[in-house]
Amino acid sequence: TMSDCELILASWGKVESNLADYGGEVLTCLFTEHPDTQKLFPKFVGIPHAELAGNAAIGEHGKTVLTKLGEILKAKGSSDVIKPLATTHANTHKISLNNFK
């Protein structure tokens, strides 16, 4: 909802101050809690779970993920921001909609 979006944006500055570290934590948590998702990222497939935290490549990709998430939050539901990202994930990366639920 928009109120959820506003609540997140109110503290988003802290996240933006260190996107790589927070992004790395988000992806590490995702891969740890849902190990099957790691295979969706070919460059991370061979990284053992014990080595995920602090991995520079994961932090860099996490930075990209959180940067895009910030753009989506700031756009407040605008399809101009969401549609190209959804199209890329569906057509280029072949990511199923079920992975976003």
PDB file of N, CA and C in Angstrom:
ATOM      1  N   THR A   1       0.838  -1.185   0.000  1.00  0.00           N
ATOM      2  CA  THR A   1       0.000   0.000   0.000  1.00  0.00           C
ATOM      3  C   THR A   1       0.883   1.248   0.000  1.00  0.00           C
ATOM      4  N   MET A   2       0.280   2.360  -0.303  1.00  0.00           N
ATOM      5  CA  MET A   2       1.038   3.612  -0.303  1.00  0.00           C
ATOM      6  C   MET A   2       1.530   3.970   1.101  1.00  0.00           C
ATOM      7  N   SER A   3       0.748   3.655   2.117  1.00  0.00           N
ATOM      8  CA  SER A   3       1.197   3.964   3.480  1.00  0.00           C
ATOM      9  C   SER A   3       2.408   3.110   3.848  1.00  0.00           C
ATOM     10  N   ASP A   4       2.443   1.858   3.389  1.00  0.00           N
ATOM     11  CA  ASP A   4       3.621   1.012   3.604  1.00  0.00           C
ATOM     12  C   ASP A   4       4.831   1.608   2.891  1.00  0.00           C
ATOM     13  N   CYS A   5       4.601   2.055   1.680  1.00  0.00           N
ATOM     14  CA  CYS A   5       5.672   2.658   0.884  1.00  0.00           C
ATOM     15  C   CYS A   5       6.234   3.888   1.594  1.00  0.00           C
ATOM     16  N   GLU A   6       5.368   4.738   2.078  1.00  0.00           N
ATOM     17  CA  GLU A   6       5.800   5.946   2.793  1.00  0.00           C
ATOM     18  C   GLU A   6       6.582   5.595   4.057  1.00  0.00           C
ATOM     19  N   LEU A   7       6.133   4.583   4.761  1.00  0.00           N
ATOM     20  CA  LEU A   7       6.813   4.140   5.977  1.00  0.00           C
ATOM     21  C   LEU A   7       8.231   3.667   5.653  1.00  0.00           C
ATOM     22  N   ILE A   8       8.365   2.889   4.601  1.00  0.00           N
ATOM     23  CA  ILE A   8       9.689   2.407   4.193  1.00  0.00           C
ATOM     24  C   ILE A   8      10.561   3.573   3.746  1.00  0.00           C
ATOM     25  N   LEU A   9       9.998   4.467   2.947  1.00  0.00           N
ATOM     26  CA  LEU A   9      10.773   5.612   2.455  1.00  0.00           C
ATOM     27  C   LEU A   9      11.259   6.519   3.587  1.00  0.00           C
ATOM     28  N   ALA A  10      10.514   6.561   4.677  1.00  0.00           N
ATOM     29  CA  ALA A  10      10.906   7.400   5.813  1.00  0.00           C
ATOM     30  C   ALA A  10      12.246   6.976   6.398  1.00  0.00           C
ATOM     31  N   SER A  11      12.596   5.706   6.244  1.00  0.00           N
ATOM     32  CA  SER A  11      13.879   5.240   6.778  1.00  0.00           C
ATOM     33  C   SER A  11      14.821   4.737   5.679  1.00  0.00           C
ATOM     34  N   TRP A  12      14.448   4.934   4.427  1.00  0.00           N
ATOM     35  CA  TRP A  12      15.245   4.434   3.309  1.00  0.00           C
ATOM     36  C   TRP A  12      16.623   5.089   3.228  1.00  0.00           C
ATOM     37  N   GLY A  13      16.760   6.289   3.731  1.00  0.00           N
ATOM     38  CA  GLY A  13      18.055   6.978   3.711  1.00  0.00           C
ATOM     39  C   GLY A  13      19.148   6.167   4.389  1.00  0.00           C
ATOM     40  N   LYS A  14      18.819   5.494   5.462  1.00  0.00           N
ATOM     41  CA  LYS A  14      19.804   4.652   6.155  1.00  0.00           C
ATOM     42  C   LYS A  14      20.262   3.517   5.245  1.00  0.00           C
ATOM     43  N   VAL A  15      19.341   2.921   4.528  1.00  0.00           N
ATOM     44  CA  VAL A  15      19.686   1.847   3.591  1.00  0.00           C
ATOM     45  C   VAL A  15      20.562   2.404   2.473  1.00  0.00           C
ATOM     46  N   GLU A  16      20.172   3.547   1.927  1.00  0.00           N
ATOM     47  CA  GLU A  16      20.933   4.156   0.830  1.00  0.00           C
ATOM     48  C   GLU A  16      22.346   4.546   1.234  1.00  0.00           C
ATOM     49  N   SER A  17      22.569   4.748   2.508  1.00  0.00           N
ATOM     50  CA  SER A  17      23.905   5.143   2.963  1.00  0.00           C
ATOM     51  C   SER A  17      24.916   4.011   2.834  1.00  0.00           C
ATOM     52  N   ASN A  18      24.443   2.777   2.657  1.00  0.00           N
ATOM     53  CA  ASN A  18      25.355   1.637   2.541  1.00  0.00           C
ATOM     54  C   ASN A  18      24.675   0.509   1.760  1.00  0.00           C
ATOM     55  N   LEU A  19      24.397   0.776   0.495  1.00  0.00           N
ATOM     56  CA  LEU A  19      23.639  -0.171  -0.326  1.00  0.00           C
ATOM     57  C   LEU A  19      24.330  -1.519  -0.497  1.00  0.00           C
ATOM     58  N   ALA A  20      25.654  -1.519  -0.657  1.00  0.00           N
ATOM     59  CA  ALA A  20      26.368  -2.788  -0.880  1.00  0.00           C
ATOM     60  C   ALA A  20      26.284  -3.696   0.347  1.00  0.00           C
ATOM     61  N   ASP A  21      26.497  -3.140   1.527  1.00  0.00           N
ATOM     62  CA  ASP A  21      26.435  -3.972   2.738  1.00  0.00           C
ATOM     63  C   ASP A  21      25.018  -4.486   2.992  1.00  0.00           C
ATOM     64  N   TYR A  22      24.043  -3.577   2.933  1.00  0.00           N
ATOM     65  CA  TYR A  22      22.660  -4.004   3.162  1.00  0.00           C
ATOM     66  C   TYR A  22      22.191  -4.944   2.054  1.00  0.00           C
ATOM     67  N   GLY A  23      22.571  -4.649   0.827  1.00  0.00           N
ATOM     68  CA  GLY A  23      22.199  -5.516  -0.291  1.00  0.00           C
ATOM     69  C   GLY A  23      22.800  -6.898  -0.154  1.00  0.00           C
ATOM     70  N   GLY A  24      24.049  -6.954   0.284  1.00  0.00           N
ATOM     71  CA  GLY A  24      24.693  -8.244   0.518  1.00  0.00           C
ATOM     72  C   GLY A  24      23.977  -9.029   1.600  1.00  0.00           C
ATOM     73  N   GLU A  25      23.557  -8.325   2.642  1.00  0.00           N
ATOM     74  CA  GLU A  25      22.817  -8.989   3.727  1.00  0.00           C
ATOM     75  C   GLU A  25      21.479  -9.530   3.227  1.00  0.00           C
ATOM     76  N   VAL A  26      20.803  -8.749   2.394  1.00  0.00           N
ATOM     77  CA  VAL A  26      19.504  -9.181   1.862  1.00  0.00           C
ATOM     78  C   VAL A  26      19.667 -10.439   1.013  1.00  0.00           C
ATOM     79  N   LEU A  27      20.639 -10.432   0.092  1.00  0.00           N
ATOM     80  CA  LEU A  27      20.831 -11.608  -0.762  1.00  0.00           C
ATOM     81  C   LEU A  27      21.326 -12.809   0.034  1.00  0.00           C
ATOM     82  N   THR A  28      22.210 -12.573   0.992  1.00  0.00           N
ATOM     83  CA  THR A  28      22.686 -13.674   1.837  1.00  0.00           C
ATOM     84  C   THR A  28      21.515 -14.302   2.587  1.00  0.00           C
ATOM     85  N   CYS A  29      20.644 -13.486   3.118  1.00  0.00           N
ATOM     86  CA  CYS A  29      19.460 -13.984   3.824  1.00  0.00           C
ATOM     87  C   CYS A  29      18.546 -14.747   2.858  1.00  0.00           C
ATOM     88  N   LEU A  30      18.336 -14.192   1.668  1.00  0.00           N
ATOM     89  CA  LEU A  30      17.499 -14.863   0.672  1.00  0.00           C
ATOM     90  C   LEU A  30      18.049 -16.243   0.341  1.00  0.00           C
ATOM     91  N   PHE A  31      19.362 -16.315   0.055  1.00  0.00           N
ATOM     92  CA  PHE A  31      19.972 -17.589  -0.332  1.00  0.00           C
ATOM     93  C   PHE A  31      20.028 -18.579   0.829  1.00  0.00           C
ATOM     94  N   THR A  32      20.122 -18.072   2.042  1.00  0.00           N
ATOM     95  CA  THR A  32      20.166 -18.940   3.218  1.00  0.00           C
ATOM     96  C   THR A  32      18.776 -19.484   3.549  1.00  0.00           C
ATOM     97  N   GLU A  33      17.788 -18.602   3.538  1.00  0.00           N
ATOM     98  CA  GLU A  33      16.417 -19.001   3.881  1.00  0.00           C
ATOM     99  C   GLU A  33      15.727 -19.772   2.749  1.00  0.00           C
ATOM    100  N   HIS A  34      16.120 -19.474   1.516  1.00  0.00           N
ATOM    101  CA  HIS A  34      15.510 -20.109   0.334  1.00  0.00           C
ATOM    102  C   HIS A  34      16.626 -20.552  -0.609  1.00  0.00           C
ATOM    103  N   PRO A  35      17.331 -21.625  -0.266  1.00  0.00           N
ATOM    104  CA  PRO A  35      18.510 -22.055  -1.031  1.00  0.00           C
ATOM    105  C   PRO A  35      18.255 -22.260  -2.528  1.00  0.00           C
ATOM    106  N   ASP A  36      17.035 -22.622  -2.893  1.00  0.00           N
ATOM    107  CA  ASP A  36      16.721 -22.837  -4.306  1.00  0.00           C
ATOM    108  C   ASP A  36      16.832 -21.562  -5.134  1.00  0.00           C
ATOM    109  N   THR A  37      16.753 -20.398  -4.498  1.00  0.00           N
ATOM    110  CA  THR A  37      16.851 -19.144  -5.248  1.00  0.00           C
ATOM    111  C   THR A  37      18.271 -18.849  -5.713  1.00  0.00           C
ATOM    112  N   GLN A  38      19.251 -19.399  -5.051  1.00  0.00           N
ATOM    113  CA  GLN A  38      20.646 -19.127  -5.427  1.00  0.00           C
ATOM    114  C   GLN A  38      20.927 -19.598  -6.853  1.00  0.00           C
ATOM    115  N   LYS A  39      20.275 -20.671  -7.288  1.00  0.00           N
ATOM    116  CA  LYS A  39      20.499 -21.199  -8.640  1.00  0.00           C
ATOM    117  C   LYS A  39      19.970 -20.252  -9.720  1.00  0.00           C
ATOM    118  N   LEU A  40      19.136 -19.292  -9.342  1.00  0.00           N
ATOM    119  CA  LEU A  40      18.625 -18.314 -10.297  1.00  0.00           C
ATOM    120  C   LEU A  40      19.670 -17.249 -10.631  1.00  0.00           C
ATOM    121  N   PHE A  41      20.769 -17.251  -9.901  1.00  0.00           N
ATOM    122  CA  PHE A  41      21.864 -16.301 -10.095  1.00  0.00           C
ATOM    123  C   PHE A  41      23.103 -17.099 -10.492  1.00  0.00           C
ATOM    124  N   PRO A  42      23.296 -17.370 -11.786  1.00  0.00           N
ATOM    125  CA  PRO A  42      24.386 -18.253 -12.225  1.00  0.00           C
ATOM    126  C   PRO A  42      25.760 -17.910 -11.652  1.00  0.00           C
ATOM    127  N   LYS A  43      26.065 -16.637 -11.482  1.00  0.00           N
ATOM    128  CA  LYS A  43      27.402 -16.293 -10.977  1.00  0.00           C
ATOM    129  C   LYS A  43      27.578 -16.601  -9.490  1.00  0.00           C
ATOM    130  N   PHE A  44      26.486 -16.948  -8.805  1.00  0.00           N
ATOM    131  CA  PHE A  44      26.575 -17.265  -7.378  1.00  0.00           C
ATOM    132  C   PHE A  44      26.372 -18.750  -7.077  1.00  0.00           C
ATOM    133  N   VAL A  45      26.126 -19.554  -8.094  1.00  0.00           N
ATOM    134  CA  VAL A  45      25.798 -20.968  -7.893  1.00  0.00           C
ATOM    135  C   VAL A  45      26.872 -21.717  -7.115  1.00  0.00           C
ATOM    136  N   GLY A  46      28.130 -21.477  -7.393  1.00  0.00           N
ATOM    137  CA  GLY A  46      29.198 -22.243  -6.749  1.00  0.00           C
ATOM    138  C   GLY A  46      29.652 -21.735  -5.396  1.00  0.00           C
ATOM    139  N   ILE A  47      29.042 -20.684  -4.903  1.00  0.00           N
ATOM    140  CA  ILE A  47      29.469 -20.116  -3.622  1.00  0.00           C
ATOM    141  C   ILE A  47      28.787 -20.880  -2.483  1.00  0.00           C
ATOM    142  N   PRO A  48      29.579 -21.528  -1.618  1.00  0.00           N
ATOM    143  CA  PRO A  48      28.983 -22.242  -0.478  1.00  0.00           C
ATOM    144  C   PRO A  48      28.273 -21.264   0.466  1.00  0.00           C
ATOM    145  N   HIS A  49      27.237 -21.727   1.113  1.00  0.00           N
ATOM    146  CA  HIS A  49      26.460 -20.858   2.014  1.00  0.00           C
ATOM    147  C   HIS A  49      27.328 -20.227   3.097  1.00  0.00           C
ATOM    148  N   ALA A  50      28.331 -20.933   3.551  1.00  0.00           N
ATOM    149  CA  ALA A  50      29.209 -20.404   4.596  1.00  0.00           C
ATOM    150  C   ALA A  50      30.033 -19.216   4.104  1.00  0.00           C
ATOM    151  N   GLU A  51      30.138 -19.042   2.787  1.00  0.00           N
ATOM    152  CA  GLU A  51      30.946 -17.960   2.218  1.00  0.00           C
ATOM    153  C   GLU A  51      30.108 -16.832   1.613  1.00  0.00           C
ATOM    154  N   LEU A  52      28.812 -16.876   1.790  1.00  0.00           N
ATOM    155  CA  LEU A  52      27.944 -15.851   1.217  1.00  0.00           C
ATOM    156  C   LEU A  52      28.142 -14.494   1.886  1.00  0.00           C
ATOM    157  N   ALA A  53      28.105 -14.479   3.209  1.00  0.00           N
ATOM    158  CA  ALA A  53      28.222 -13.217   3.958  1.00  0.00           C
ATOM    159  C   ALA A  53      29.576 -12.585   3.681  1.00  0.00           C
ATOM    160  N   GLY A  54      29.549 -11.338   3.304  1.00  0.00           N
ATOM    161  CA  GLY A  54      30.785 -10.606   3.060  1.00  0.00           C
ATOM    162  C   GLY A  54      31.371 -10.803   1.676  1.00  0.00           C
ATOM    163  N   ASN A  55      30.745 -11.610   0.830  1.00  0.00           N
ATOM    164  CA  ASN A  55      31.232 -11.815  -0.531  1.00  0.00           C
ATOM    165  C   ASN A  55      31.017 -10.531  -1.330  1.00  0.00           C
ATOM    166  N   ALA A  56      32.090 -10.004  -1.922  1.00  0.00           N
ATOM    167  CA  ALA A  56      32.029  -8.717  -2.620  1.00  0.00           C
ATOM    168  C   ALA A  56      31.064  -8.742  -3.807  1.00  0.00           C
ATOM    169  N   ALA A  57      31.050  -9.830  -4.568  1.00  0.00           N
ATOM    170  CA  ALA A  57      30.167  -9.912  -5.735  1.00  0.00           C
ATOM    171  C   ALA A  57      28.696  -9.915  -5.314  1.00  0.00           C
ATOM    172  N   ILE A  58      28.405 -10.583  -4.217  1.00  0.00           N
ATOM    173  CA  ILE A  58      27.030 -10.606  -3.715  1.00  0.00           C
ATOM    174  C   ILE A  58      26.646  -9.215  -3.210  1.00  0.00           C
ATOM    175  N   GLY A  59      27.562  -8.550  -2.543  1.00  0.00           N
ATOM    176  CA  GLY A  59      27.306  -7.186  -2.086  1.00  0.00           C
ATOM    177  C   GLY A  59      27.050  -6.237  -3.245  1.00  0.00           C
ATOM    178  N   GLU A  60      27.820  -6.375  -4.326  1.00  0.00           N
ATOM    179  CA  GLU A  60      27.651  -5.512  -5.496  1.00  0.00           C
ATOM    180  C   GLU A  60      26.300  -5.758  -6.154  1.00  0.00           C
ATOM    181  N   HIS A  61      25.921  -7.018  -6.285  1.00  0.00           N
ATOM    182  CA  HIS A  61      24.613  -7.305  -6.885  1.00  0.00           C
ATOM    183  C   HIS A  61      23.491  -6.857  -5.945  1.00  0.00           C
ATOM    184  N   GLY A  62      23.696  -7.035  -4.657  1.00  0.00           N
ATOM    185  CA  GLY A  62      22.722  -6.561  -3.677  1.00  0.00           C
ATOM    186  C   GLY A  62      22.533  -5.059  -3.762  1.00  0.00           C
ATOM    187  N   LYS A  63      23.621  -4.351  -4.038  1.00  0.00           N
ATOM    188  CA  LYS A  63      23.553  -2.896  -4.217  1.00  0.00           C
ATOM    189  C   LYS A  63      22.645  -2.563  -5.402  1.00  0.00           C
ATOM    190  N   THR A  64      22.801  -3.307  -6.493  1.00  0.00           N
ATOM    191  CA  THR A  64      21.952  -3.103  -7.670  1.00  0.00           C
ATOM    192  C   THR A  64      20.490  -3.375  -7.339  1.00  0.00           C
ATOM    193  N   VAL A  65      20.243  -4.456  -6.623  1.00  0.00           N
ATOM    194  CA  VAL A  65      18.874  -4.824  -6.241  1.00  0.00           C
ATOM    195  C   VAL A  65      18.237  -3.725  -5.391  1.00  0.00           C
ATOM    196  N   LEU A  66      18.965  -3.259  -4.381  1.00  0.00           N
ATOM    197  CA  LEU A  66      18.397  -2.233  -3.499  1.00  0.00           C
ATOM    198  C   LEU A  66      18.276  -0.884  -4.192  1.00  0.00           C
ATOM    199  N   THR A  67      19.171  -0.596  -5.124  1.00  0.00           N
ATOM    200  CA  THR A  67      19.052   0.642  -5.901  1.00  0.00           C
ATOM    201  C   THR A  67      17.749   0.625  -6.693  1.00  0.00           C
ATOM    202  N   LYS A  68      17.477  -0.488  -7.363  1.00  0.00           N
ATOM    203  CA  LYS A  68      16.230  -0.619  -8.133  1.00  0.00           C
ATOM    204  C   LYS A  68      15.012  -0.596  -7.210  1.00  0.00           C
ATOM    205  N   LEU A  69      15.109  -1.251  -6.065  1.00  0.00           N
ATOM    206  CA  LEU A  69      14.004  -1.228  -5.112  1.00  0.00           C
ATOM    207  C   LEU A  69      13.724   0.204  -4.663  1.00  0.00           C
ATOM    208  N   GLY A  70      14.775   0.971  -4.409  1.00  0.00           N
ATOM    209  CA  GLY A  70      14.611   2.374  -4.036  1.00  0.00           C
ATOM    210  C   GLY A  70      13.905   3.168  -5.122  1.00  0.00           C
ATOM    211  N   GLU A  71      14.269   2.916  -6.384  1.00  0.00           N
ATOM    212  CA  GLU A  71      13.615   3.600  -7.505  1.00  0.00           C
ATOM    213  C   GLU A  71      12.128   3.256  -7.552  1.00  0.00           C
ATOM    214  N   ILE A  72      11.811   1.988  -7.326  1.00  0.00           N
ATOM    215  CA  ILE A  72      10.408   1.554  -7.332  1.00  0.00           C
ATOM    216  C   ILE A  72       9.643   2.203  -6.185  1.00  0.00           C
ATOM    217  N   LEU A  73      10.236   2.215  -5.005  1.00  0.00           N
ATOM    218  CA  LEU A  73       9.577   2.835  -3.850  1.00  0.00           C
ATOM    219  C   LEU A  73       9.325   4.317  -4.090  1.00  0.00           C
ATOM    220  N   LYS A  74      10.328   5.007  -4.618  1.00  0.00           N
ATOM    221  CA  LYS A  74      10.197   6.451  -4.858  1.00  0.00           C
ATOM    222  C   LYS A  74       9.202   6.757  -5.969  1.00  0.00           C
ATOM    223  N   ALA A  75       9.024   5.820  -6.903  1.00  0.00           N
ATOM    224  CA  ALA A  75       8.062   6.006  -7.992  1.00  0.00           C
ATOM    225  C   ALA A  75       6.629   5.764  -7.523  1.00  0.00           C
ATOM    226  N   LYS A  76       6.483   5.190  -6.347  1.00  0.00           N
ATOM    227  CA  LYS A  76       5.176   4.961  -5.715  1.00  0.00           C
ATOM    228  C   LYS A  76       4.168   4.284  -6.647  1.00  0.00           C
ATOM    229  N   GLY A  77       4.610   3.172  -7.227  1.00  0.00           N
ATOM    230  CA  GLY A  77       3.697   2.374  -8.035  1.00  0.00           C
ATOM    231  C   GLY A  77       3.639   2.728  -9.506  1.00  0.00           C
ATOM    232  N   SER A  78       4.434   3.665  -9.951  1.00  0.00           N
ATOM    233  CA  SER A  78       4.417   4.058 -11.357  1.00  0.00           C
ATOM    234  C   SER A  78       4.887   2.909 -12.249  1.00  0.00           C
ATOM    235  N   SER A  79       4.075   2.574 -13.228  1.00  0.00           N
ATOM    236  CA  SER A  79       4.447   1.493 -14.141  1.00  0.00           C
ATOM    237  C   SER A  79       5.630   1.882 -15.024  1.00  0.00           C
ATOM    238  N   ASP A  80       5.911   3.186 -15.158  1.00  0.00           N
ATOM    239  CA  ASP A  80       7.063   3.632 -15.950  1.00  0.00           C
ATOM    240  C   ASP A  80       8.367   3.093 -15.379  1.00  0.00           C
ATOM    241  N   VAL A  81       8.424   2.870 -14.088  1.00  0.00           N
ATOM    242  CA  VAL A  81       9.622   2.343 -13.435  1.00  0.00           C
ATOM    243  C   VAL A  81       9.547   0.823 -13.322  1.00  0.00           C
ATOM    244  N   ILE A  82       8.391   0.316 -12.992  1.00  0.00           N
ATOM    245  CA  ILE A  82       8.239  -1.115 -12.727  1.00  0.00           C
ATOM    246  C   ILE A  82       8.237  -1.954 -14.004  1.00  0.00           C
ATOM    247  N   LYS A  83       7.568  -1.495 -15.051  1.00  0.00           N
ATOM    248  CA  LYS A  83       7.398  -2.302 -16.262  1.00  0.00           C
ATOM    249  C   LYS A  83       8.722  -2.711 -16.913  1.00  0.00           C
ATOM    250  N   PRO A  84       9.678  -1.794 -17.134  1.00  0.00           N
ATOM    251  CA  PRO A  84      10.937  -2.227 -17.764  1.00  0.00           C
ATOM    252  C   PRO A  84      11.690  -3.260 -16.923  1.00  0.00           C
ATOM    253  N   LEU A  85      11.669  -3.103 -15.622  1.00  0.00           N
ATOM    254  CA  LEU A  85      12.345  -4.048 -14.734  1.00  0.00           C
ATOM    255  C   LEU A  85      11.659  -5.418 -14.783  1.00  0.00           C
ATOM    256  N   ALA A  86      10.341  -5.418 -14.760  1.00  0.00           N
ATOM    257  CA  ALA A  86       9.589  -6.678 -14.839  1.00  0.00           C
ATOM    258  C   ALA A  86       9.822  -7.364 -16.182  1.00  0.00           C
ATOM    259  N   THR A  87       9.859  -6.585 -17.249  1.00  0.00           N
ATOM    260  CA  THR A  87      10.084  -7.136 -18.584  1.00  0.00           C
ATOM    261  C   THR A  87      11.458  -7.777 -18.683  1.00  0.00           C
ATOM    262  N   THR A  88      12.475  -7.106 -18.174  1.00  0.00           N
ATOM    263  CA  THR A  88      13.835  -7.653 -18.193  1.00  0.00           C
ATOM    264  C   THR A  88      13.906  -8.952 -17.408  1.00  0.00           C
ATOM    265  N   HIS A  89      13.318  -8.971 -16.232  1.00  0.00           N
ATOM    266  CA  HIS A  89      13.373 -10.182 -15.408  1.00  0.00           C
ATOM    267  C   HIS A  89      12.604 -11.340 -16.057  1.00  0.00           C
ATOM    268  N   ALA A  90      11.512 -11.037 -16.719  1.00  0.00           N
ATOM    269  CA  ALA A  90      10.723 -12.092 -17.361  1.00  0.00           C
ATOM    270  C   ALA A  90      11.372 -12.580 -18.653  1.00  0.00           C
ATOM    271  N   ASN A  91      11.813 -11.660 -19.501  1.00  0.00           N
ATOM    272  CA  ASN A  91      12.290 -12.029 -20.834  1.00  0.00           C
ATOM    273  C   ASN A  91      13.776 -12.340 -20.908  1.00  0.00           C
ATOM    274  N   THR A  92      14.601 -11.557 -20.252  1.00  0.00           N
ATOM    275  CA  THR A  92      16.049 -11.759 -20.319  1.00  0.00           C
ATOM    276  C   THR A  92      16.514 -12.790 -19.300  1.00  0.00           C
ATOM    277  N   HIS A  93      16.092 -12.610 -18.061  1.00  0.00           N
ATOM    278  CA  HIS A  93      16.551 -13.488 -16.983  1.00  0.00           C
ATOM    279  C   HIS A  93      15.673 -14.728 -16.809  1.00  0.00           C
ATOM    280  N   LYS A  94      14.503 -14.737 -17.466  1.00  0.00           N
ATOM    281  CA  LYS A  94      13.568 -15.874 -17.394  1.00  0.00           C
ATOM    282  C   LYS A  94      13.154 -16.204 -15.958  1.00  0.00           C
ATOM    283  N   ILE A  95      12.886 -15.157 -15.180  1.00  0.00           N
ATOM    284  CA  ILE A  95      12.470 -15.322 -13.789  1.00  0.00           C
ATOM    285  C   ILE A  95      10.941 -15.379 -13.737  1.00  0.00           C
ATOM    286  N   SER A  96      10.421 -16.415 -13.143  1.00  0.00           N
ATOM    287  CA  SER A  96       8.982 -16.617 -13.027  1.00  0.00           C
ATOM    288  C   SER A  96       8.373 -15.637 -12.027  1.00  0.00           C
ATOM    289  N   LEU A  97       7.141 -15.256 -12.283  1.00  0.00           N
ATOM    290  CA  LEU A  97       6.411 -14.369 -11.376  1.00  0.00           C
ATOM    291  C   LEU A  97       6.318 -14.965  -9.977  1.00  0.00           C
ATOM    292  N   ASN A  98       6.274 -16.282  -9.864  1.00  0.00           N
ATOM    293  CA  ASN A  98       6.195 -16.946  -8.553  1.00  0.00           C
ATOM    294  C   ASN A  98       7.373 -16.594  -7.659  1.00  0.00           C
ATOM    295  N   ASN A  99       8.513 -16.247  -8.237  1.00  0.00           N
ATOM    296  CA  ASN A  99       9.687 -15.894  -7.443  1.00  0.00           C
ATOM    297  C   ASN A  99       9.573 -14.521  -6.790  1.00  0.00           C
ATOM    298  N   PHE A 100       8.556 -13.767  -7.147  1.00  0.00           N
ATOM    299  CA  PHE A 100       8.374 -12.439  -6.572  1.00  0.00           C
ATOM    300  C   PHE A 100       7.241 -12.396  -5.563  1.00  0.00           C
ATOM    301  N   LYS A 101       6.654 -13.529  -5.269  1.00  0.00           N
ATOM    302  CA  LYS A 101       5.534 -13.566  -4.318  1.00  0.00           C
ATOM    303  C   LYS A 101       6.034 -13.803  -2.921  1.00  0.00           C
TER     304      LYS A 101
END
